Amino acid sequence: MVVTVRFVGSFRSITRKTKFTIKLEGSLTLREVIWNMVKEKPALRRVLIDPELEKPRSNALMLVNGREISVLNGLETMLKEGDEVVFVPVLHGG
């Protein structure tokens, strides 16, 4: 299965690409895809994985095929052939 991944904003500086494709075996959840990406590109770990909780951070808006994952099944959203996942950094201020 091939999924397209795009990083927007400051995340793009880590990958140095606007988008890339990843090949996966079988159907996987978004959570599993994030862990696969971190294994393939260790530099992503510091921005995508919370070091204390060892789970994906909430510092990114995540879209699957243009839909925010909260209206889907969150990190348990199943991905399929041809899906596009977009990570947009969320900046908080006060």
Protein backbone atom coordinates (compact mmCIF):
# COMPACT_ATOMS: atom_id res chain seq x y z
CA MET A 1 0.00 0.00 0.00
CA VAL A 2 1.28 3.48 -0.85
CA VAL A 3 0.29 6.56 1.18
CA THR A 4 1.32 10.15 0.43
CA VAL A 5 2.50 12.22 3.39
CA ARG A 6 2.85 15.99 3.36
CA PHE A 7 4.34 18.24 6.00
CA VAL A 8 3.42 21.92 6.14
CA GLY A 9 5.25 24.84 7.73
CA SER A 10 8.02 24.13 10.21
CA PHE A 11 7.58 20.37 9.80
CA ARG A 12 8.72 20.71 6.19
CA SER A 13 12.20 21.80 7.29
CA ILE A 14 12.71 18.41 8.94
CA THR A 15 11.84 16.33 5.88
CA ARG A 16 13.24 18.86 3.38
CA LYS A 17 10.47 17.78 1.01
CA THR A 18 6.96 19.04 0.45
CA LYS A 19 5.67 15.48 0.19
CA PHE A 20 6.83 11.91 0.00
CA THR A 21 5.28 8.50 -0.32
CA ILE A 22 5.63 5.61 2.03
CA LYS A 23 5.03 1.98 1.21
CA LEU A 24 3.25 -0.05 3.86
CA GLU A 25 2.25 -3.66 4.25
CA GLY A 26 -1.49 -4.14 4.65
CA SER A 27 -3.97 -1.79 6.30
CA LEU A 28 -2.58 0.32 9.12
CA THR A 29 -3.92 2.97 11.46
CA LEU A 30 -2.62 6.52 11.39
CA ARG A 31 -0.90 5.82 14.72
CA GLU A 32 0.97 2.86 13.16
CA VAL A 33 1.92 4.94 10.14
CA ILE A 34 3.36 7.65 12.41
CA TRP A 35 5.50 5.05 14.18
CA ASN A 36 6.65 3.65 10.80
CA MET A 37 7.63 7.16 9.66
CA VAL A 38 9.60 7.75 12.86
CA LYS A 39 11.48 4.49 12.32
CA GLU A 40 12.31 5.44 8.71
CA LYS A 41 13.09 9.09 9.47
CA PRO A 42 14.34 9.35 13.08
CA ALA A 43 14.49 13.18 12.88
CA LEU A 44 10.67 13.17 12.91
CA ARG A 45 10.58 11.60 16.36
CA ARG A 46 11.26 14.86 18.22
CA VAL A 47 8.33 16.65 16.56
CA LEU A 48 5.82 13.81 16.30
CA ILE A 49 6.36 11.75 19.47
CA ASP A 50 6.03 12.97 23.05
CA PRO A 51 9.19 11.70 24.81
CA GLU A 52 7.50 11.30 28.20
CA LEU A 53 4.28 9.65 27.06
CA GLU A 54 5.80 7.74 24.11
CA LYS A 55 2.78 8.53 21.95
CA PRO A 56 2.06 10.95 19.11
CA ARG A 57 2.11 14.60 20.18
CA SER A 58 -0.90 16.89 19.89
CA ASN A 59 1.21 19.64 18.28
CA ALA A 60 -0.06 18.93 14.79
CA LEU A 61 -3.31 19.19 12.96
CA MET A 62 -3.57 15.87 11.11
CA LEU A 63 -5.66 15.51 8.00
CA VAL A 64 -6.50 12.35 6.09
CA ASN A 65 -7.76 13.09 2.60
CA GLY A 66 -8.53 16.67 3.66
CA ARG A 67 -10.52 15.74 6.77
CA GLU A 68 -9.29 16.46 10.29
CA ILE A 69 -8.82 13.17 12.14
CA SER A 70 -11.14 14.16 15.01
CA VAL A 71 -14.10 13.77 12.62
CA LEU A 72 -12.77 10.39 11.54
CA ASN A 73 -11.46 7.87 14.05
CA GLY A 74 -8.58 9.91 15.48
CA LEU A 75 -5.22 8.15 15.51
CA GLU A 76 -7.07 4.87 14.94
CA THR A 77 -8.21 6.02 11.47
CA MET A 78 -7.47 3.20 9.06
CA LEU A 79 -5.47 4.24 6.00
CA LYS A 80 -5.88 2.69 2.59
CA GLU A 81 -4.10 2.71 -0.74
CA GLY A 82 -3.80 6.22 -2.19
CA ASP A 83 -4.68 8.14 0.99
CA GLU A 84 -2.98 11.45 1.69
CA VAL A 85 -1.95 12.40 5.22
CA VAL A 86 -1.07 16.03 5.97
CA PHE A 87 0.65 17.28 9.14
CA VAL A 88 0.19 20.99 9.92
CA PRO A 89 2.03 22.41 12.96
CA VAL A 90 -0.16 24.05 15.58
CA LEU A 91 1.33 27.08 17.30
CA HIS A 92 -0.08 28.18 20.63
CA GLY A 93 0.27 31.63 22.03
CA GLY A 94 -1.08 33.64 24.84
